[in-house]
Amino acid sequence: MISNPNINVPSDVLARAAQVKMMIFDVDGVLTDGGLLFGADGEALKRFNVLDGLGIKLLQQAGIITAIISARTSPIVSRRASDLGITHVYQGVHNKNVAFASLLADTNLTADVCGFIGDDIIDLPILSRACLAVSVPNGHQEVKSRVHYVTQVSGGFGAVREVCDLILRAQGKYDAALAHYLTDVPAL
């Protein structure tokens, strides 16, 4: 089976994941745990998961475009996106459908080859159009009931990596991504 042996993924979800040419990520509650910490100067602090970061890099190396669409604006998100090489970043977007339309125009892609992972009702306009709609277990119930797949892992704790691995496996690119890290590794 193509899927991760530790996660039971329905065949229709795998078929959808096999079509993804661009994966789009919400931030708060997906790339982070959704909590906001405020520093003494009022700056919002966020915690990102390194497993998610490598998963995003693996998607990019496999030729899959990555993007961020977030309702909040944060210099920390800009920094994280820059560190990961994500060039399509839309922040401060309260109508995510508008940002999605702009992203599709910028990339010359259609919704039927896009995946999106979100956690709240503000994400529903994109989730309802995406080929692969994903949420997290800590997402809003209205969202979880309308997506194709809910990750096993919570947002901010590796949910994005789970989706990245799922896409790579569904597209037959996982072994090649892994092989890069196994070359010239001495046997134990």
N, C-alpha and C. Protein backbone atom coordinates (compact mmCIF):
# COMPACT_ATOMS: atom_id res chain seq x y z
N MET A 1 0.85 -1.20 0.00
CA MET A 1 0.00 0.00 0.00
C MET A 1 0.88 1.24 0.00
N ILE A 2 0.42 2.30 -0.63
CA ILE A 2 1.18 3.53 -0.77
C ILE A 2 1.27 4.30 0.54
N SER A 3 0.27 4.22 1.35
CA SER A 3 0.21 5.07 2.54
C SER A 3 1.21 4.65 3.61
N ASN A 4 1.41 5.53 4.55
CA ASN A 4 2.26 5.26 5.71
C ASN A 4 1.66 4.08 6.45
N PRO A 5 2.46 3.06 6.75
CA PRO A 5 1.91 1.89 7.42
C PRO A 5 1.37 2.20 8.82
N ASN A 6 1.74 3.33 9.38
CA ASN A 6 1.26 3.70 10.71
C ASN A 6 -0.05 4.47 10.68
N ILE A 7 -0.47 4.88 9.50
CA ILE A 7 -1.68 5.68 9.37
C ILE A 7 -2.56 5.07 8.29
N ASN A 8 -3.81 4.79 8.62
CA ASN A 8 -4.74 4.22 7.66
C ASN A 8 -5.38 5.36 6.86
N VAL A 9 -4.99 5.48 5.60
CA VAL A 9 -5.48 6.55 4.75
C VAL A 9 -6.41 5.95 3.70
N PRO A 10 -7.65 6.43 3.62
CA PRO A 10 -8.58 5.91 2.62
C PRO A 10 -8.06 6.09 1.19
N SER A 11 -8.42 5.19 0.31
CA SER A 11 -7.92 5.22 -1.07
C SER A 11 -8.34 6.49 -1.81
N ASP A 12 -9.53 7.03 -1.51
CA ASP A 12 -9.95 8.26 -2.19
C ASP A 12 -9.08 9.44 -1.78
N VAL A 13 -8.61 9.45 -0.53
CA VAL A 13 -7.72 10.52 -0.08
C VAL A 13 -6.36 10.39 -0.77
N LEU A 14 -5.88 9.16 -0.89
CA LEU A 14 -4.62 8.94 -1.60
C LEU A 14 -4.72 9.38 -3.06
N ALA A 15 -5.85 9.10 -3.69
CA ALA A 15 -6.06 9.52 -5.08
C ALA A 15 -6.04 11.04 -5.19
N ARG A 16 -6.66 11.71 -4.24
CA ARG A 16 -6.65 13.17 -4.23
C ARG A 16 -5.23 13.70 -4.01
N ALA A 17 -4.52 13.11 -3.06
CA ALA A 17 -3.14 13.54 -2.75
C ALA A 17 -2.22 13.34 -3.94
N ALA A 18 -2.49 12.34 -4.74
CA ALA A 18 -1.68 12.07 -5.93
C ALA A 18 -1.80 13.18 -6.97
N GLN A 19 -2.87 13.99 -6.91
CA GLN A 19 -3.11 15.06 -7.88
C GLN A 19 -2.51 16.41 -7.46
N VAL A 20 -2.03 16.52 -6.22
CA VAL A 20 -1.61 17.82 -5.68
C VAL A 20 -0.33 18.33 -6.35
N LYS A 21 -0.43 19.53 -6.90
CA LYS A 21 0.73 20.22 -7.47
C LYS A 21 1.12 21.42 -6.62
N MET A 22 0.18 21.86 -5.75
CA MET A 22 0.48 22.95 -4.82
C MET A 22 -0.22 22.66 -3.50
N MET A 23 0.54 22.76 -2.41
CA MET A 23 -0.03 22.57 -1.07
C MET A 23 0.01 23.91 -0.35
N ILE A 24 -1.15 24.29 0.19
CA ILE A 24 -1.32 25.58 0.85
C ILE A 24 -1.58 25.34 2.33
N PHE A 25 -0.95 26.15 3.17
CA PHE A 25 -1.03 25.99 4.61
C PHE A 25 -1.60 27.22 5.28
N ASP A 26 -2.55 27.00 6.18
CA ASP A 26 -2.95 28.01 7.14
C ASP A 26 -1.84 28.05 8.18
N VAL A 27 -1.79 29.04 9.03
CA VAL A 27 -0.72 29.14 10.02
C VAL A 27 -1.23 28.78 11.41
N ASP A 28 -2.00 29.66 12.03
CA ASP A 28 -2.42 29.46 13.42
C ASP A 28 -3.33 28.25 13.54
N GLY A 29 -2.91 27.29 14.33
CA GLY A 29 -3.67 26.06 14.52
C GLY A 29 -3.26 24.95 13.57
N VAL A 30 -2.43 25.26 12.58
CA VAL A 30 -1.96 24.27 11.62
C VAL A 30 -0.43 24.18 11.67
N LEU A 31 0.24 25.26 11.26
CA LEU A 31 1.70 25.31 11.39
C LEU A 31 2.11 25.59 12.84
N THR A 32 1.18 26.08 13.63
CA THR A 32 1.41 26.29 15.07
C THR A 32 0.29 25.59 15.82
N ASP A 33 0.39 25.58 17.13
CA ASP A 33 -0.67 24.95 17.93
C ASP A 33 -1.87 25.86 18.13
N GLY A 34 -1.83 27.05 17.56
CA GLY A 34 -2.95 27.99 17.65
C GLY A 34 -2.86 28.95 18.81
N GLY A 35 -1.94 28.70 19.73
CA GLY A 35 -1.77 29.61 20.87
C GLY A 35 -0.99 30.85 20.46
N LEU A 36 -1.29 31.95 21.09
CA LEU A 36 -0.54 33.18 20.85
C LEU A 36 0.09 33.63 22.15
N LEU A 37 1.39 33.78 22.14
CA LEU A 37 2.11 34.31 23.29
C LEU A 37 2.51 35.73 22.93
N PHE A 38 2.35 36.66 23.87
CA PHE A 38 2.71 38.03 23.60
C PHE A 38 3.89 38.43 24.44
N GLY A 39 4.93 38.99 23.78
CA GLY A 39 6.11 39.48 24.46
C GLY A 39 5.80 40.80 25.13
N ALA A 40 6.77 41.29 25.90
CA ALA A 40 6.60 42.55 26.64
C ALA A 40 6.31 43.73 25.72
N ASP A 41 6.83 43.68 24.49
CA ASP A 41 6.60 44.77 23.55
C ASP A 41 5.31 44.59 22.74
N GLY A 42 4.53 43.54 23.06
CA GLY A 42 3.26 43.30 22.39
C GLY A 42 3.37 42.42 21.16
N GLU A 43 4.58 42.00 20.80
CA GLU A 43 4.76 41.15 19.63
C GLU A 43 4.24 39.74 19.91
N ALA A 44 3.45 39.22 18.97
CA ALA A 44 2.93 37.86 19.10
C ALA A 44 4.04 36.87 18.74
N LEU A 45 4.20 35.87 19.59
CA LEU A 45 5.20 34.83 19.37
C LEU A 45 4.50 33.54 18.98
N LYS A 46 5.14 32.78 18.09
CA LYS A 46 4.56 31.52 17.62
C LYS A 46 5.64 30.45 17.70
N ARG A 47 5.20 29.21 17.90
CA ARG A 47 6.12 28.08 17.93
C ARG A 47 5.82 27.21 16.72
N PHE A 48 6.85 26.96 15.91
CA PHE A 48 6.72 26.12 14.73
C PHE A 48 7.40 24.78 15.00
N ASN A 49 6.97 23.75 14.27
CA ASN A 49 7.52 22.41 14.43
C ASN A 49 8.54 22.15 13.33
N VAL A 50 9.74 21.70 13.70
CA VAL A 50 10.79 21.47 12.71
C VAL A 50 10.44 20.31 11.77
N LEU A 51 9.68 19.34 12.26
CA LEU A 51 9.26 18.24 11.37
C LEU A 51 8.42 18.78 10.22
N ASP A 52 7.55 19.72 10.53
CA ASP A 52 6.72 20.34 9.49
C ASP A 52 7.61 21.05 8.47
N GLY A 53 8.62 21.75 8.97
CA GLY A 53 9.52 22.50 8.08
C GLY A 53 10.22 21.59 7.08
N LEU A 54 10.74 20.47 7.54
CA LEU A 54 11.40 19.56 6.62
C LEU A 54 10.40 18.95 5.65
N GLY A 55 9.20 18.65 6.11
CA GLY A 55 8.18 18.14 5.21
C GLY A 55 7.89 19.11 4.08
N ILE A 56 7.80 20.39 4.39
CA ILE A 56 7.58 21.42 3.37
C ILE A 56 8.74 21.44 2.39
N LYS A 57 9.96 21.37 2.90
CA LYS A 57 11.14 21.35 2.02
C LYS A 57 11.12 20.12 1.11
N LEU A 58 10.71 18.97 1.64
CA LEU A 58 10.63 17.75 0.84
C LEU A 58 9.60 17.90 -0.29
N LEU A 59 8.47 18.53 0.01
CA LEU A 59 7.49 18.79 -1.04
C LEU A 59 8.11 19.65 -2.15
N GLN A 60 8.78 20.71 -1.74
CA GLN A 60 9.39 21.60 -2.72
C GLN A 60 10.41 20.86 -3.58
N GLN A 61 11.23 20.04 -2.95
CA GLN A 61 12.24 19.27 -3.69
C GLN A 61 11.60 18.30 -4.66
N ALA A 62 10.38 17.87 -4.37
CA ALA A 62 9.65 16.96 -5.25
C ALA A 62 8.88 17.72 -6.33
N GLY A 63 9.03 19.05 -6.37
CA GLY A 63 8.40 19.84 -7.41
C GLY A 63 7.01 20.35 -7.08
N ILE A 64 6.62 20.24 -5.83
CA ILE A 64 5.30 20.70 -5.40
C ILE A 64 5.42 22.12 -4.84
N ILE A 65 4.62 23.02 -5.35
CA ILE A 65 4.63 24.41 -4.90
C ILE A 65 4.02 24.46 -3.51
N THR A 66 4.57 25.32 -2.66
CA THR A 66 4.02 25.51 -1.31
C THR A 66 3.64 26.98 -1.13
N ALA A 67 2.60 27.19 -0.33
CA ALA A 67 2.10 28.54 -0.11
C ALA A 67 1.48 28.64 1.29
N ILE A 68 1.36 29.86 1.75
CA ILE A 68 0.72 30.16 3.04
C ILE A 68 -0.38 31.18 2.79
N ILE A 69 -1.54 30.92 3.38
CA ILE A 69 -2.62 31.92 3.42
C ILE A 69 -3.09 32.00 4.86
N SER A 70 -2.94 33.18 5.47
CA SER A 70 -3.26 33.36 6.88
C SER A 70 -4.06 34.64 7.11
N ALA A 71 -5.00 34.58 8.03
CA ALA A 71 -5.81 35.76 8.35
C ALA A 71 -5.02 36.78 9.16
N ARG A 72 -4.06 36.30 9.93
CA ARG A 72 -3.25 37.20 10.75
C ARG A 72 -2.02 37.65 9.97
N THR A 73 -1.48 38.80 10.36
CA THR A 73 -0.22 39.28 9.80
C THR A 73 0.83 39.21 10.88
N SER A 74 1.96 38.61 10.55
CA SER A 74 3.02 38.43 11.54
C SER A 74 4.39 38.41 10.88
N PRO A 75 5.31 39.22 11.38
CA PRO A 75 6.67 39.17 10.85
C PRO A 75 7.32 37.81 11.10
N ILE A 76 6.87 37.11 12.13
CA ILE A 76 7.42 35.78 12.42
C ILE A 76 7.04 34.81 11.31
N VAL A 77 5.84 34.92 10.79
CA VAL A 77 5.41 34.06 9.69
C VAL A 77 6.22 34.38 8.43
N SER A 78 6.46 35.65 8.18
CA SER A 78 7.29 36.03 7.04
C SER A 78 8.68 35.43 7.17
N ARG A 79 9.22 35.48 8.36
CA ARG A 79 10.56 34.91 8.61
C ARG A 79 10.56 33.40 8.40
N ARG A 80 9.57 32.71 8.94
CA ARG A 80 9.49 31.25 8.80
C ARG A 80 9.32 30.87 7.32
N ALA A 81 8.46 31.59 6.62
CA ALA A 81 8.26 31.32 5.19
C ALA A 81 9.56 31.53 4.42
N SER A 82 10.27 32.58 4.73
CA SER A 82 11.55 32.85 4.07
C SER A 82 12.56 31.75 4.36
N ASP A 83 12.63 31.33 5.62
CA ASP A 83 13.55 30.25 6.00
C ASP A 83 13.24 28.97 5.23
N LEU A 84 11.97 28.72 4.95
CA LEU A 84 11.55 27.50 4.27
C LEU A 84 11.50 27.64 2.75
N GLY A 85 11.73 28.85 2.24
CA GLY A 85 11.68 29.04 0.79
C GLY A 85 10.27 29.10 0.23
N ILE A 86 9.30 29.44 1.07
CA ILE A 86 7.92 29.60 0.61
C ILE A 86 7.78 31.02 0.08
N THR A 87 7.59 31.15 -1.22
CA THR A 87 7.53 32.48 -1.83
C THR A 87 6.12 33.03 -1.96
N HIS A 88 5.13 32.16 -1.92
CA HIS A 88 3.74 32.59 -2.03
C HIS A 88 3.16 32.70 -0.62
N VAL A 89 3.15 33.91 -0.07
CA VAL A 89 2.71 34.14 1.30
C VAL A 89 1.66 35.25 1.29
N TYR A 90 0.46 34.92 1.76
CA TYR A 90 -0.63 35.88 1.85
C TYR A 90 -1.02 35.99 3.31
N GLN A 91 -0.81 37.17 3.89
CA GLN A 91 -1.13 37.39 5.31
C GLN A 91 -2.14 38.52 5.44
N GLY A 92 -2.84 38.54 6.56
CA GLY A 92 -3.83 39.58 6.81
C GLY A 92 -5.03 39.45 5.89
N VAL A 93 -5.33 38.21 5.49
CA VAL A 93 -6.39 37.94 4.53
C VAL A 93 -7.61 37.38 5.26
N HIS A 94 -8.67 38.18 5.34
CA HIS A 94 -9.87 37.71 6.03
C HIS A 94 -10.85 37.06 5.06
N ASN A 95 -10.70 37.34 3.78
CA ASN A 95 -11.46 36.64 2.75
C ASN A 95 -10.45 35.75 2.02
N LYS A 96 -10.32 34.54 2.48
CA LYS A 96 -9.29 33.66 1.95
C LYS A 96 -9.56 33.25 0.51
N ASN A 97 -10.80 33.34 0.07
CA ASN A 97 -11.12 33.03 -1.32
C ASN A 97 -10.45 34.02 -2.28
N VAL A 98 -10.34 35.27 -1.86
CA VAL A 98 -9.68 36.29 -2.68
C VAL A 98 -8.20 35.96 -2.81
N ALA A 99 -7.56 35.62 -1.70
CA ALA A 99 -6.14 35.26 -1.73
C ALA A 99 -5.93 34.00 -2.57
N PHE A 100 -6.83 33.03 -2.43
CA PHE A 100 -6.74 31.79 -3.19
C PHE A 100 -6.82 32.08 -4.69
N ALA A 101 -7.75 32.94 -5.09
CA ALA A 101 -7.89 33.30 -6.50
C ALA A 101 -6.62 33.97 -7.01
N SER A 102 -6.05 34.84 -6.21
CA SER A 102 -4.81 35.51 -6.58
C SER A 102 -3.66 34.50 -6.71
N LEU A 103 -3.59 33.58 -5.77
CA LEU A 103 -2.56 32.54 -5.80
C LEU A 103 -2.70 31.67 -7.04
N LEU A 104 -3.91 31.28 -7.36
CA LEU A 104 -4.13 30.47 -8.57
C LEU A 104 -3.69 31.24 -9.82
N ALA A 105 -4.01 32.52 -9.88
CA ALA A 105 -3.61 33.34 -11.03
C ALA A 105 -2.08 33.46 -11.09
N ASP A 106 -1.45 33.66 -9.96
CA ASP A 106 0.01 33.81 -9.91
C ASP A 106 0.74 32.53 -10.32
N THR A 107 0.15 31.38 -10.05
CA THR A 107 0.82 30.11 -10.32
C THR A 107 0.31 29.41 -11.58
N ASN A 108 -0.74 29.96 -12.19
CA ASN A 108 -1.35 29.34 -13.38
C ASN A 108 -1.87 27.94 -13.09
N LEU A 109 -2.34 27.72 -11.87
CA LEU A 109 -2.91 26.43 -11.49
C LEU A 109 -4.41 26.58 -11.26
N THR A 110 -5.09 25.45 -11.14
CA THR A 110 -6.51 25.44 -10.84
C THR A 110 -6.72 24.75 -9.49
N ALA A 111 -7.87 24.98 -8.90
CA ALA A 111 -8.17 24.44 -7.57
C ALA A 111 -8.10 22.92 -7.54
N ASP A 112 -8.34 22.27 -8.67
CA ASP A 112 -8.38 20.81 -8.69
C ASP A 112 -7.01 20.14 -8.59
N VAL A 113 -5.95 20.94 -8.46
CA VAL A 113 -4.60 20.39 -8.21
C VAL A 113 -3.99 21.00 -6.95
N CYS A 114 -4.84 21.59 -6.12
CA CYS A 114 -4.36 22.24 -4.89
C CYS A 114 -4.85 21.50 -3.65
N GLY A 115 -3.96 21.39 -2.69
CA GLY A 115 -4.33 20.91 -1.38
C GLY A 115 -4.32 22.07 -0.42
N PHE A 116 -5.15 22.00 0.62
CA PHE A 116 -5.17 23.05 1.64
C PHE A 116 -5.42 22.40 2.99
N ILE A 117 -4.69 22.86 4.00
CA ILE A 117 -4.91 22.41 5.37
C ILE A 117 -5.26 23.61 6.23
N GLY A 118 -6.43 23.55 6.84
CA GLY A 118 -6.92 24.63 7.69
C GLY A 118 -7.64 24.07 8.89
N ASP A 119 -7.98 24.94 9.82
CA ASP A 119 -8.57 24.46 11.07
C ASP A 119 -9.82 25.19 11.53
N ASP A 120 -10.19 26.29 10.88
CA ASP A 120 -11.34 27.05 11.37
C ASP A 120 -12.23 27.45 10.20
N ILE A 121 -13.42 27.96 10.53
CA ILE A 121 -14.42 28.22 9.51
C ILE A 121 -13.97 29.26 8.48
N ILE A 122 -13.03 30.11 8.82
CA ILE A 122 -12.50 31.08 7.85
C ILE A 122 -11.81 30.37 6.69
N ASP A 123 -11.42 29.11 6.90
CA ASP A 123 -10.73 28.32 5.88
C ASP A 123 -11.69 27.57 4.94
N LEU A 124 -12.96 27.53 5.29
CA LEU A 124 -13.93 26.76 4.50
C LEU A 124 -14.02 27.16 3.02
N PRO A 125 -13.91 28.44 2.66
CA PRO A 125 -13.99 28.76 1.23
C PRO A 125 -12.92 28.05 0.39
N ILE A 126 -11.72 27.92 0.92
CA ILE A 126 -10.67 27.21 0.16
C ILE A 126 -10.86 25.71 0.30
N LEU A 127 -11.13 25.24 1.51
CA LEU A 127 -11.30 23.81 1.72
C LEU A 127 -12.40 23.23 0.83
N SER A 128 -13.45 24.01 0.59
CA SER A 128 -14.56 23.52 -0.23
C SER A 128 -14.19 23.43 -1.71
N ARG A 129 -13.11 24.07 -2.12
CA ARG A 129 -12.70 24.07 -3.52
C ARG A 129 -11.47 23.21 -3.79
N ALA A 130 -10.69 22.93 -2.76
CA ALA A 130 -9.42 22.23 -2.94
C ALA A 130 -9.62 20.76 -3.31
N CYS A 131 -8.71 20.26 -4.10
CA CYS A 131 -8.70 18.84 -4.46
C CYS A 131 -8.49 17.98 -3.22
N LEU A 132 -7.59 18.42 -2.35
CA LEU A 132 -7.32 17.72 -1.10
C LEU A 132 -7.54 18.69 0.05
N ALA A 133 -8.63 18.52 0.77
CA ALA A 133 -8.98 19.37 1.91
C ALA A 133 -8.65 18.62 3.20
N VAL A 134 -7.83 19.25 4.04
CA VAL A 134 -7.34 18.59 5.25
C VAL A 134 -7.56 19.51 6.45
N SER A 135 -7.84 18.91 7.59
CA SER A 135 -7.89 19.64 8.85
C SER A 135 -7.10 18.86 9.89
N VAL A 136 -7.08 19.39 11.08
CA VAL A 136 -6.33 18.81 12.20
C VAL A 136 -7.30 18.42 13.30
N PRO A 137 -6.92 17.48 14.17
CA PRO A 137 -7.85 17.05 15.22
C PRO A 137 -8.28 18.17 16.16
N ASN A 138 -7.43 19.19 16.31
CA ASN A 138 -7.78 20.33 17.17
C ASN A 138 -8.51 21.42 16.39
N GLY A 139 -8.95 21.12 15.17
CA GLY A 139 -9.70 22.08 14.37
C GLY A 139 -11.16 22.15 14.80
N HIS A 140 -11.85 23.15 14.28
CA HIS A 140 -13.27 23.34 14.57
C HIS A 140 -14.07 22.18 13.97
N GLN A 141 -15.09 21.74 14.67
CA GLN A 141 -15.89 20.60 14.23
C GLN A 141 -16.52 20.80 12.86
N GLU A 142 -16.99 22.02 12.57
CA GLU A 142 -17.58 22.31 11.26
C GLU A 142 -16.58 22.08 10.13
N VAL A 143 -15.33 22.36 10.41
CA VAL A 143 -14.28 22.16 9.42
C VAL A 143 -13.97 20.68 9.28
N LYS A 144 -13.76 20.01 10.40
CA LYS A 144 -13.41 18.59 10.36
C LYS A 144 -14.49 17.75 9.67
N SER A 145 -15.74 18.18 9.78
CA SER A 145 -16.82 17.41 9.17
C SER A 145 -16.92 17.63 7.66
N ARG A 146 -16.16 18.57 7.12
CA ARG A 146 -16.29 18.92 5.69
C ARG A 146 -15.02 18.65 4.87
N VAL A 147 -14.01 18.08 5.48
CA VAL A 147 -12.76 17.85 4.75
C VAL A 147 -12.62 16.39 4.31
N HIS A 148 -11.66 16.14 3.47
CA HIS A 148 -11.39 14.78 3.01
C HIS A 148 -10.58 13.98 4.02
N TYR A 149 -9.78 14.68 4.82
CA TYR A 149 -8.88 13.98 5.74
C TYR A 149 -8.61 14.84 6.96
N VAL A 150 -8.62 14.21 8.13
CA VAL A 150 -8.22 14.86 9.38
C VAL A 150 -6.95 14.14 9.84
N THR A 151 -5.90 14.91 10.07
CA THR A 151 -4.63 14.32 10.46
C THR A 151 -4.74 13.60 11.80
N GLN A 152 -3.82 12.70 12.02
CA GLN A 152 -3.73 12.01 13.31
C GLN A 152 -3.08 12.89 14.35
N VAL A 153 -2.17 13.75 13.90
CA VAL A 153 -1.37 14.61 14.77
C VAL A 153 -1.98 16.01 14.79
N SER A 154 -1.94 16.67 15.92
CA SER A 154 -2.50 18.02 16.06
C SER A 154 -1.66 19.08 15.35
N GLY A 155 -2.31 20.19 15.04
CA GLY A 155 -1.63 21.33 14.45
C GLY A 155 -0.52 21.82 15.36
N GLY A 156 0.63 22.12 14.77
CA GLY A 156 1.79 22.58 15.53
C GLY A 156 2.63 21.45 16.11
N PHE A 157 2.18 20.23 15.91
CA PHE A 157 2.89 19.07 16.48
C PHE A 157 3.19 18.01 15.41
N GLY A 158 3.30 18.44 14.15
CA GLY A 158 3.65 17.53 13.08
C GLY A 158 2.53 17.20 12.11
N ALA A 159 1.39 17.88 12.20
CA ALA A 159 0.28 17.62 11.28
C ALA A 159 0.67 17.94 9.84
N VAL A 160 1.39 19.02 9.65
CA VAL A 160 1.82 19.40 8.31
C VAL A 160 2.75 18.33 7.74
N ARG A 161 3.66 17.83 8.54
CA ARG A 161 4.58 16.78 8.07
C ARG A 161 3.80 15.53 7.68
N GLU A 162 2.77 15.20 8.46
CA GLU A 162 1.93 14.05 8.13
C GLU A 162 1.33 14.21 6.73
N VAL A 163 0.85 15.39 6.43
CA VAL A 163 0.24 15.65 5.12
C VAL A 163 1.30 15.65 4.02
N CYS A 164 2.45 16.24 4.29
CA CYS A 164 3.53 16.24 3.30
C CYS A 164 3.94 14.81 2.96
N ASP A 165 4.13 13.98 3.98
CA ASP A 165 4.50 12.58 3.76
C ASP A 165 3.40 11.85 2.99
N LEU A 166 2.15 12.11 3.34
CA LEU A 166 1.02 11.48 2.65
C LEU A 166 1.05 11.82 1.16
N ILE A 167 1.27 13.08 0.83
CA ILE A 167 1.32 13.51 -0.58
C ILE A 167 2.49 12.84 -1.30
N LEU A 168 3.66 12.85 -0.67
CA LEU A 168 4.83 12.23 -1.30
C LEU A 168 4.63 10.75 -1.52
N ARG A 169 4.03 10.06 -0.56
CA ARG A 169 3.76 8.63 -0.72
C ARG A 169 2.73 8.39 -1.83
N ALA A 170 1.68 9.19 -1.85
CA ALA A 170 0.63 9.01 -2.86
C ALA A 170 1.16 9.25 -4.26
N GLN A 171 2.15 10.11 -4.38
CA GLN A 171 2.73 10.42 -5.69
C GLN A 171 3.93 9.54 -6.02
N GLY A 172 4.26 8.60 -5.14
CA GLY A 172 5.39 7.71 -5.38
C GLY A 172 6.74 8.40 -5.27
N LYS A 173 6.80 9.50 -4.53
CA LYS A 173 8.04 10.29 -4.40
C LYS A 173 8.68 10.18 -3.02
N TYR A 174 8.05 9.44 -2.12
CA TYR A 174 8.55 9.37 -0.75
C TYR A 174 9.91 8.67 -0.66
N ASP A 175 10.04 7.54 -1.33
CA ASP A 175 11.30 6.80 -1.25
C ASP A 175 12.46 7.62 -1.81
N ALA A 176 12.24 8.35 -2.88
CA ALA A 176 13.29 9.21 -3.45
C ALA A 176 13.67 10.32 -2.47
N ALA A 177 12.67 10.90 -1.79
CA ALA A 177 12.95 11.95 -0.81
C ALA A 177 13.77 11.39 0.35
N LEU A 178 13.43 10.20 0.77
CA LEU A 178 14.14 9.55 1.87
C LEU A 178 15.54 9.12 1.45
N ALA A 179 15.69 8.66 0.22
CA ALA A 179 16.98 8.16 -0.27
C ALA A 179 18.07 9.21 -0.17
N HIS A 180 17.71 10.46 -0.37
CA HIS A 180 18.68 11.55 -0.26
C HIS A 180 19.37 11.54 1.10
N TYR A 181 18.66 11.17 2.13
CA TYR A 181 19.21 11.19 3.49
C TYR A 181 19.86 9.87 3.87
N LEU A 182 19.71 8.86 3.03
CA LEU A 182 20.28 7.56 3.33
C LEU A 182 21.56 7.26 2.54
N THR A 183 21.90 8.13 1.59
CA THR A 183 23.11 7.90 0.82
C THR A 183 24.33 8.20 1.67
N ASP A 184 25.33 7.36 1.53
CA ASP A 184 26.59 7.52 2.25
C ASP A 184 26.42 7.48 3.76
N VAL A 185 25.38 6.84 4.24
CA VAL A 185 25.18 6.70 5.67
C VAL A 185 25.83 5.37 6.08
N PRO A 186 26.78 5.40 7.02
CA PRO A 186 27.42 4.15 7.42
C PRO A 186 26.42 3.21 8.09
N ALA A 187 26.59 1.94 7.83
CA ALA A 187 25.71 0.94 8.45
C ALA A 187 25.91 0.92 9.95
N LEU A 188 24.87 0.66 10.68
CA LEU A 188 24.96 0.59 12.14
C LEU A 188 25.47 -0.75 12.61
